[in-house]
C-alpha atoms as a PDB file:
ATOM      1  CA  MET A   1       0.000   0.000   0.000  1.00  0.00           C
ATOM      2  CA  ARG A   2       1.110   3.553  -0.662  1.00  0.00           C
ATOM      3  CA  LYS A   3       0.986   4.678   2.961  1.00  0.00           C
ATOM      4  CA  LYS A   4       3.345   1.881   3.983  1.00  0.00           C
ATOM      5  CA  THR A   5       5.756   2.836   1.232  1.00  0.00           C
ATOM      6  CA  LEU A   6       5.780   6.469   2.307  1.00  0.00           C
ATOM      7  CA  SER A   7       6.255   5.436   5.934  1.00  0.00           C
ATOM      8  CA  MET A   8       9.286   3.325   5.003  1.00  0.00           C
ATOM      9  CA  ILE A   9      10.744   6.294   3.127  1.00  0.00           C
ATOM     10  CA  SER A  10      10.308   8.496   6.179  1.00  0.00           C
ATOM     11  CA  ILE A  11      11.846   5.897   8.545  1.00  0.00           C
ATOM     12  CA  THR A  12      14.816   5.344   6.252  1.00  0.00           C
ATOM     13  CA  ALA A  13      15.377   9.083   5.938  1.00  0.00           C
ATOM     14  CA  VAL A  14      15.228   9.582   9.724  1.00  0.00           C
ATOM     15  CA  THR A  15      17.725   6.736  10.261  1.00  0.00           C
ATOM     16  CA  PHE A  16      20.027   8.278   7.667  1.00  0.00           C
ATOM     17  CA  ILE A  17      19.745  11.722   9.280  1.00  0.00           C
ATOM     18  CA  CYS A  18      20.525  10.316  12.737  1.00  0.00           C
ATOM     19  CA  ALA A  19      23.593   8.542  11.385  1.00  0.00           C
ATOM     20  CA  LEU A  20      24.840  11.776   9.882  1.00  0.00           C
ATOM     21  CA  ALA A  21      24.279  13.642  13.128  1.00  0.00           C
ATOM     22  CA  ILE A  22      26.259  11.045  15.117  1.00  0.00           C
ATOM     23  CA  GLY A  23      29.053  10.351  12.643  1.00  0.00           C
ATOM     24  CA  GLY A  24      29.434  13.784  11.108  1.00  0.00           C
ATOM     25  CA  CYS A  25      31.227  14.593   7.852  1.00  0.00           C
ATOM     26  CA  GLY A  26      33.275  17.600   8.760  1.00  0.00           C
ATOM     27  CA  SER A  27      32.473  21.040  10.088  1.00  0.00           C
ATOM     28  CA  GLY A  28      29.274  22.455   8.533  1.00  0.00           C
ATOM     29  CA  THR A  29      28.938  19.642   5.971  1.00  0.00           C
ATOM     30  CA  GLY A  30      26.742  17.315   8.037  1.00  0.00           C
ATOM     31  CA  GLY A  31      24.112  20.003   8.595  1.00  0.00           C
ATOM     32  CA  ASP A  32      23.907  20.729   4.869  1.00  0.00           C
ATOM     33  CA  ILE A  33      23.397  17.039   4.075  1.00  0.00           C
ATOM     34  CA  ILE A  34      20.711  16.723   6.776  1.00  0.00           C
ATOM     35  CA  ASP A  35      18.839  19.741   5.387  1.00  0.00           C
ATOM     36  CA  SER A  36      19.022  18.226   1.912  1.00  0.00           C
ATOM     37  CA  ALA A  37      17.724  14.851   3.129  1.00  0.00           C
ATOM     38  CA  VAL A  38      14.825  16.452   4.971  1.00  0.00           C
ATOM     39  CA  GLU A  39      13.915  18.498   1.898  1.00  0.00           C
ATOM     40  CA  LYS A  40      13.845  15.353  -0.282  1.00  0.00           C
ATOM     41  CA  VAL A  41      11.550  13.552   2.172  1.00  0.00           C
ATOM     42  CA  GLU A  42       9.181  16.534   2.338  1.00  0.00           C
ATOM     43  CA  LYS A  43       8.945  16.645  -1.460  1.00  0.00           C
ATOM     44  CA  THR A  44       8.245  12.898  -1.640  1.00  0.00           C
ATOM     45  CA  VAL A  45       5.342  12.838   0.815  1.00  0.00           C
ATOM     46  CA  ILE A  46       2.544  14.559  -1.122  1.00  0.00           C
ATOM     47  CA  PRO A  47      -0.828  14.735   0.675  1.00  0.00           C
ATOM     48  CA  GLU A  48      -3.496  12.767  -1.165  1.00  0.00           C
ATOM     49  CA  THR A  49      -5.764  15.816  -1.290  1.00  0.00           C
ATOM     50  CA  GLU A  50      -3.108  17.669  -3.323  1.00  0.00           C
ATOM     51  CA  ARG A  51      -2.833  14.978  -5.978  1.00  0.00           C
ATOM     52  CA  PHE A  52      -5.786  16.250  -8.001  1.00  0.00           C
ATOM     53  CA  ARG A  53      -5.461  19.173 -10.391  1.00  0.00           C
ATOM     54  CA  GLU A  54      -7.884  20.954 -12.653  1.00  0.00           C
ATOM     55  CA  ASP A  55      -7.442  19.605 -16.173  1.00  0.00           C
ATOM     56  CA  ILE A  56      -6.731  22.972 -17.756  1.00  0.00           C
ATOM     57  CA  ALA A  57      -3.081  23.179 -18.743  1.00  0.00           C
ATOM     58  CA  GLY A  58      -3.160  26.588 -20.410  1.00  0.00           C
ATOM     59  CA  SER A  59      -4.904  28.980 -22.756  1.00  0.00           C
ATOM     60  CA  VAL A  60      -4.361  30.459 -26.204  1.00  0.00           C
ATOM     61  CA  GLY A  61      -5.793  33.717 -27.469  1.00  0.00           C
ATOM     62  CA  ASP A  62      -9.267  34.840 -26.400  1.00  0.00           C
ATOM     63  CA  HIS A  63     -11.285  31.646 -26.825  1.00  0.00           C
ATOM     64  CA  ILE A  64      -9.137  28.550 -26.243  1.00  0.00           C
ATOM     65  CA  ILE A  65      -8.194  26.594 -23.140  1.00  0.00           C
ATOM     66  CA  TYR A  66      -6.661  23.133 -23.410  1.00  0.00           C
ATOM     67  CA  SER A  67      -6.276  19.878 -21.504  1.00  0.00           C
ATOM     68  CA  TYR A  68      -2.973  18.537 -20.155  1.00  0.00           C
ATOM     69  CA  ASN A  69      -3.611  15.688 -22.585  1.00  0.00           C
ATOM     70  CA  LEU A  70      -2.656  17.979 -25.453  1.00  0.00           C
ATOM     71  CA  PHE A  71       1.042  17.784 -24.523  1.00  0.00           C
ATOM     72  CA  GLU A  72       1.666  15.565 -21.510  1.00  0.00           C
ATOM     73  CA  GLY A  73       2.636  11.937 -22.095  1.00  0.00           C
ATOM     74  CA  ARG A  74       3.094  12.445 -25.820  1.00  0.00           C
ATOM     75  CA  LYS A  75       6.350  11.959 -27.687  1.00  0.00           C
ATOM     76  CA  LEU A  76       6.411  15.250 -29.536  1.00  0.00           C
ATOM     77  CA  GLU A  77       9.077  15.949 -32.107  1.00  0.00           C
ATOM     78  CA  LYS A  78      11.301  19.011 -31.752  1.00  0.00           C
ATOM     79  CA  GLY A  79       9.299  22.133 -32.502  1.00  0.00           C
ATOM     80  CA  GLU A  80       5.975  20.282 -32.564  1.00  0.00           C
ATOM     81  CA  LYS A  81       4.642  21.952 -29.422  1.00  0.00           C
ATOM     82  CA  GLU A  82       5.392  25.357 -30.907  1.00  0.00           C
ATOM     83  CA  GLU A  83       3.660  24.295 -34.121  1.00  0.00           C
ATOM     84  CA  ILE A  84       0.525  23.285 -32.190  1.00  0.00           C
ATOM     85  CA  ILE A  85       0.432  26.567 -30.271  1.00  0.00           C
ATOM     86  CA  ALA A  86       0.892  28.553 -33.493  1.00  0.00           C
ATOM     87  CA  TYR A  87      -1.990  26.655 -35.099  1.00  0.00           C
ATOM     88  CA  LEU A  88      -4.255  27.333 -32.110  1.00  0.00           C
ATOM     89  CA  GLU A  89      -3.380  31.033 -32.157  1.00  0.00           C
ATOM     90  CA  LYS A  90      -4.567  31.262 -35.760  1.00  0.00           C
ATOM     91  CA  ALA A  91      -7.661  29.121 -35.139  1.00  0.00           C
ATOM     92  CA  ASP A  92      -8.576  31.267 -32.140  1.00  0.00           C
ATOM     93  CA  LYS A  93      -9.058  34.305 -34.359  1.00  0.00           C
ATOM     94  CA  MET A  94     -11.847  32.486 -36.211  1.00  0.00           C
ATOM     95  CA  LEU A  95     -13.790  31.490 -33.080  1.00  0.00           C
ATOM     96  CA  THR A  96     -16.769  33.272 -31.560  1.00  0.00           C
ATOM     97  CA  GLU A  97     -17.341  30.810 -28.676  1.00  0.00           C
ATOM     98  CA  ASP A  98     -14.924  29.584 -26.027  1.00  0.00           C
ATOM     99  CA  ILE A  99     -13.697  26.017 -26.447  1.00  0.00           C
ATOM    100  CA  TYR A 100     -11.769  23.400 -24.473  1.00  0.00           C
ATOM    101  CA  VAL A 101      -9.293  21.533 -26.666  1.00  0.00           C
ATOM    102  CA  THR A 102      -9.115  17.880 -25.655  1.00  0.00           C
ATOM    103  CA  GLY A 103      -6.418  16.662 -28.034  1.00  0.00           C
ATOM    104  CA  SER A 104      -4.927  16.578 -31.492  1.00  0.00           C
ATOM    105  CA  ILE A 105      -3.758  14.110 -34.112  1.00  0.00           C
ATOM    106  CA  ARG A 106      -1.458  14.404 -37.103  1.00  0.00           C
ATOM    107  CA  MET A 107      -2.867  13.077 -40.353  1.00  0.00           C
ATOM    108  CA  SER A 108      -0.585  10.595 -42.084  1.00  0.00           C
ATOM    109  CA  HIS A 109      -1.602  11.433 -45.654  1.00  0.00           C
ATOM    110  CA  ASP A 110      -0.678  15.123 -45.552  1.00  0.00           C
ATOM    111  CA  ASN A 111       1.014  15.637 -42.122  1.00  0.00           C
ATOM    112  CA  SER A 112      -1.633  18.189 -41.138  1.00  0.00           C
ATOM    113  CA  LEU A 113      -2.893  18.779 -37.605  1.00  0.00           C
ATOM    114  CA  LYS A 114      -6.488  18.042 -36.585  1.00  0.00           C
ATOM    115  CA  PHE A 115      -7.996  19.046 -33.242  1.00  0.00           C
ATOM    116  CA  SER A 116     -10.987  17.991 -31.158  1.00  0.00           C
ATOM    117  CA  ALA A 117     -12.670  20.250 -28.618  1.00  0.00           C
ATOM    118  CA  ARG A 118     -15.844  20.975 -26.654  1.00  0.00           C
ATOM    119  CA  GLN A 119     -17.604  24.230 -25.969  1.00  0.00           C
ATOM    120  CA  CYS A 120     -16.749  25.950 -22.702  1.00  0.00           C
ATOM    121  CA  VAL A 121     -19.137  28.477 -21.142  1.00  0.00           C
ATOM    122  CA  ASN A 122     -18.244  30.419 -17.984  1.00  0.00           C
ATOM    123  CA  GLY A 123     -15.720  27.750 -17.009  1.00  0.00           C
ATOM    124  CA  ALA A 124     -18.037  24.773 -17.625  1.00  0.00           C
ATOM    125  CA  VAL A 125     -17.123  22.345 -20.409  1.00  0.00           C
ATOM    126  CA  THR A 126     -20.149  20.987 -22.260  1.00  0.00           C
ATOM    127  CA  THR A 127     -20.626  17.257 -22.748  1.00  0.00           C
ATOM    128  CA  ASP A 128     -22.468  17.349 -26.076  1.00  0.00           C
ATOM    129  CA  VAL A 129     -21.308  20.394 -28.025  1.00  0.00           C
ATOM    130  CA  TRP A 130     -18.277  19.286 -30.018  1.00  0.00           C
ATOM    131  CA  TYR A 131     -15.774  21.149 -32.178  1.00  0.00           C
ATOM    132  CA  ALA A 132     -13.206  19.795 -34.623  1.00  0.00           C
ATOM    133  CA  THR A 133     -10.929  20.820 -37.449  1.00  0.00           C
ATOM    134  CA  ASP A 134     -12.697  21.031 -40.803  1.00  0.00           C
ATOM    135  CA  TYR A 135     -10.725  18.662 -43.043  1.00  0.00           C
ATOM    136  CA  THR A 136     -11.818  20.496 -46.198  1.00  0.00           C
ATOM    137  CA  ASN A 137     -10.412  23.838 -45.029  1.00  0.00           C
ATOM    138  CA  PRO A 138      -6.628  24.149 -45.475  1.00  0.00           C
ATOM    139  CA  ASP A 139      -6.440  27.124 -43.094  1.00  0.00           C
ATOM    140  CA  PRO A 140      -6.059  26.601 -39.317  1.00  0.00           C
ATOM    141  CA  ASN A 141      -9.544  26.163 -37.882  1.00  0.00           C
ATOM    142  CA  ILE A 142     -11.621  24.508 -35.154  1.00  0.00           C
ATOM    143  CA  CYS A 143     -15.317  24.743 -35.869  1.00  0.00           C
ATOM    144  CA  ILE A 144     -18.616  23.332 -34.607  1.00  0.00           C
ATOM    145  CA  ALA A 145     -18.970  19.632 -35.430  1.00  0.00           C
ATOM    146  CA  ASP A 146     -21.945  18.445 -33.393  1.00  0.00           C
ATOM    147  CA  GLY A 147     -24.580  19.962 -31.120  1.00  0.00           C
ATOM    148  CA  VAL A 148     -25.920  23.494 -30.747  1.00  0.00           C
ATOM    149  CA  PRO A 149     -23.627  26.054 -29.048  1.00  0.00           C
ATOM    150  CA  LEU A 150     -25.037  27.400 -25.782  1.00  0.00           C
ATOM    151  CA  ALA A 151     -25.397  31.117 -25.175  1.00  0.00           C
ATOM    152  CA  ASP A 152     -24.900  30.977 -21.406  1.00  0.00           C
ATOM    153  CA  ILE A 153     -24.432  28.700 -18.383  1.00  0.00           C
ATOM    154  CA  ASP A 154     -24.798  30.047 -14.850  1.00  0.00           C
ATOM    155  CA  THR A 155     -21.820  28.757 -12.851  1.00  0.00           C
ATOM    156  CA  SER A 156     -21.972  31.366 -10.091  1.00  0.00           C
ATOM    157  CA  ALA A 157     -23.307  29.000  -7.409  1.00  0.00           C
ATOM    158  CA  VAL A 158     -20.995  25.984  -7.796  1.00  0.00           C
ATOM    159  CA  VAL A 159     -19.484  24.552  -4.612  1.00  0.00           C
ATOM    160  CA  ASN A 160     -15.798  24.896  -3.783  1.00  0.00           C
ATOM    161  CA  VAL A 161     -14.194  21.999  -5.628  1.00  0.00           C
ATOM    162  CA  LYS A 162     -11.505  21.654  -2.952  1.00  0.00           C
ATOM    163  CA  ASP A 163     -14.198  20.597  -0.491  1.00  0.00           C
ATOM    164  CA  LEU A 164     -14.994  17.602  -2.701  1.00  0.00           C
ATOM    165  CA  ILE A 165     -11.486  16.177  -2.887  1.00  0.00           C
ATOM    166  CA  PRO A 166     -11.565  14.475   0.566  1.00  0.00           C
ATOM    167  CA  VAL A 167     -14.702  12.614  -0.547  1.00  0.00           C
ATOM    168  CA  VAL A 168     -12.941  11.446  -3.714  1.00  0.00           C
ATOM    169  CA  VAL A 169      -9.941  10.299  -1.667  1.00  0.00           C
ATOM    170  CA  GLU A 170     -12.162   8.369   0.766  1.00  0.00           C
ATOM    171  CA  LYS A 171     -14.055   6.567  -1.990  1.00  0.00           C
ATOM    172  CA  ALA A 172     -10.917   5.866  -4.013  1.00  0.00           C
ATOM    173  CA  ASN A 173      -9.043   4.434  -1.035  1.00  0.00           C
ATOM    174  CA  ALA A 174     -11.936   2.058  -0.485  1.00  0.00           C
ATOM    175  CA  HIS A 175     -11.407   0.756  -4.060  1.00  0.00           C
ATOM    176  CA  GLN A 176      -7.604   0.581  -4.265  1.00  0.00           C
ATOM    177  CA  THR A 177      -7.627  -2.766  -6.080  1.00  0.00           C
ATOM    178  CA  ASP A 178      -9.914  -1.255  -8.717  1.00  0.00           C
ATOM    179  CA  LEU A 179      -7.562   1.633  -9.501  1.00  0.00           C
ATOM    180  CA  TYR A 180      -5.166   1.646 -12.435  1.00  0.00           C
ATOM    181  CA  ASP A 181      -1.430   1.611 -11.416  1.00  0.00           C
ATOM    182  CA  TYR A 182      -2.255   2.367  -7.765  1.00  0.00           C
ATOM    183  CA  SER A 183       0.526   0.109  -6.466  1.00  0.00           C
ATOM    184  CA  GLU A 184       3.135   2.060  -8.465  1.00  0.00           C
ATOM    185  CA  LYS A 185       1.869   5.641  -8.277  1.00  0.00           C
ATOM    186  CA  GLY A 186      -0.627   5.770  -5.448  1.00  0.00           C
ATOM    187  CA  LEU A 187      -3.621   8.054  -5.796  1.00  0.00           C
ATOM    188  CA  TYR A 188      -3.718  10.841  -8.371  1.00  0.00           C
ATOM    189  CA  GLY A 189      -6.076  12.455 -10.854  1.00  0.00           C
ATOM    190  CA  SER A 190      -7.763  15.531 -12.243  1.00  0.00           C
ATOM    191  CA  TYR A 191     -11.119  17.293 -12.216  1.00  0.00           C
ATOM    192  CA  LEU A 192     -13.188  19.381 -14.562  1.00  0.00           C
ATOM    193  CA  LEU A 193     -16.371  21.410 -14.196  1.00  0.00           C
ATOM    194  CA  THR A 194     -18.735  20.145 -16.887  1.00  0.00           C
ATOM    195  CA  TYR A 195     -22.255  20.855 -18.056  1.00  0.00           C
ATOM    196  CA  ASP A 196     -24.333  17.764 -18.828  1.00  0.00           C
ATOM    197  CA  ASN A 197     -26.450  18.934 -21.751  1.00  0.00           C
ATOM    198  CA  ARG A 198     -28.910  16.070 -21.548  1.00  0.00           C
ATOM    199  CA  LYS A 199     -29.555  16.400 -17.814  1.00  0.00           C
ATOM    200  CA  ASP A 200     -29.248  20.208 -17.763  1.00  0.00           C
ATOM    201  CA  MET A 201     -26.876  19.828 -14.831  1.00  0.00           C
ATOM    202  CA  LEU A 202     -23.511  21.162 -13.703  1.00  0.00           C
ATOM    203  CA  VAL A 203     -21.173  18.322 -12.742  1.00  0.00           C
ATOM    204  CA  TYR A 204     -17.685  18.079 -11.268  1.00  0.00           C
ATOM    205  CA  ASP A 205     -16.064  15.134 -13.029  1.00  0.00           C
ATOM    206  CA  PHE A 206     -13.076  13.685 -11.132  1.00  0.00           C
ATOM    207  CA  THR A 207     -10.850  11.333 -13.114  1.00  0.00           C
ATOM    208  CA  VAL A 208      -9.028   9.009 -10.698  1.00  0.00           C
ATOM    209  CA  ASN A 209      -5.903   7.083 -11.784  1.00  0.00           C
ATOM    210  CA  GLU A 210      -6.713   7.437 -15.488  1.00  0.00           C
ATOM    211  CA  THR A 211      -9.708   5.087 -15.770  1.00  0.00           C
ATOM    212  CA  SER A 212     -11.987   5.710 -12.772  1.00  0.00           C
ATOM    213  CA  HIS A 213     -14.460   8.532 -12.130  1.00  0.00           C
ATOM    214  CA  VAL A 214     -16.337  10.177  -9.279  1.00  0.00           C
ATOM    215  CA  TYR A 215     -19.109  12.579 -10.302  1.00  0.00           C
ATOM    216  CA  PHE A 216     -20.621  15.334  -8.146  1.00  0.00           C
ATOM    217  CA  ASP A 217     -23.600  17.623  -8.495  1.00  0.00           C
ATOM    218  CA  ALA A 218     -21.614  20.868  -8.749  1.00  0.00           C
ATOM    219  CA  LEU A 219     -24.358  22.903  -7.052  1.00  0.00           C
ATOM    220  CA  SER A 220     -25.116  20.670  -4.058  1.00  0.00           C
ATOM    221  CA  GLY A 221     -21.832  18.779  -3.738  1.00  0.00           C
ATOM    222  CA  ASP A 222     -23.649  15.427  -3.652  1.00  0.00           C
ATOM    223  CA  VAL A 223     -22.075  12.359  -5.250  1.00  0.00           C
ATOM    224  CA  ILE A 224     -24.209  11.343  -8.231  1.00  0.00           C
ATOM    225  CA  ASP A 225     -22.153   8.467  -9.664  1.00  0.00           C
ATOM    226  CA  VAL A 226     -18.926   6.485  -9.154  1.00  0.00           C
ATOM    227  CA  GLN A 227     -17.117   4.280 -11.666  1.00  0.00           C
ATOM    228  CA  PHE A 228     -14.037   2.369 -10.540  1.00  0.00           C
ATOM    229  CA  TRP A 229     -12.105   0.360 -13.139  1.00  0.00           C
ATOM    230  CA  ASN A 230      -8.467  -0.718 -13.169  1.00  0.00           C
ATOM    231  CA  GLY A 231      -8.250  -0.652 -16.947  1.00  0.00           C
ATOM    232  CA  GLU A 232      -8.151  -4.412 -17.437  1.00  0.00           C
ATOM    233  CA  ILE A 233     -10.180  -5.887 -20.291  1.00  0.00           C
ATOM    234  CA  TYR A 234     -11.307  -9.492 -20.161  1.00  0.00           C
ATOM    235  CA  ASP A 235     -12.352 -11.610 -23.132  1.00  0.00           C
END
């Protein structure tokens, strides 16, 4: 379990620090090493409630925000990130609604970039209003692909998302065997304020260890659904 691993790290570090204090390594040197060891331990032990981040990695222009998925975990070639940002800057000038870019692909037949996105209104990402690059337009663009863009979403009364994280941690820890790569990485994840078009409902969607989810009513803070899956597929 993760807590045992962290405890062993702490015990080992304390033993190491004590040995330095007793043995010493020369005037002034031992104290510097102890400070360094303590700093490393403090950086290793990350509270579970701080392991969830909002899945908004950045913004481009006046209308675009984008997911960490756009760049993280991808083997980008040199200059490719800059190319993506430059494309988004040009596409932004053609937009009239705000969008949340979820990812991109490079087409093999012509090496062009294609993006997928969803509408974002007052910080809430819609579930059923999709945007994508128009393949027939050679100029940088991300345009409506499915659904009807919304004029407004009232997000003024949503609960403080930080108050929901302890609930996510409690439920996730009760399903450790159902979490993807928990034994290697412990608990981690992201969250996003979404608007469920079909239910006309604001929802905080927590993604836990890549493949699990905890959903909250963003106005009341009540849990409305949980889905724990370790990513394994059986025939």
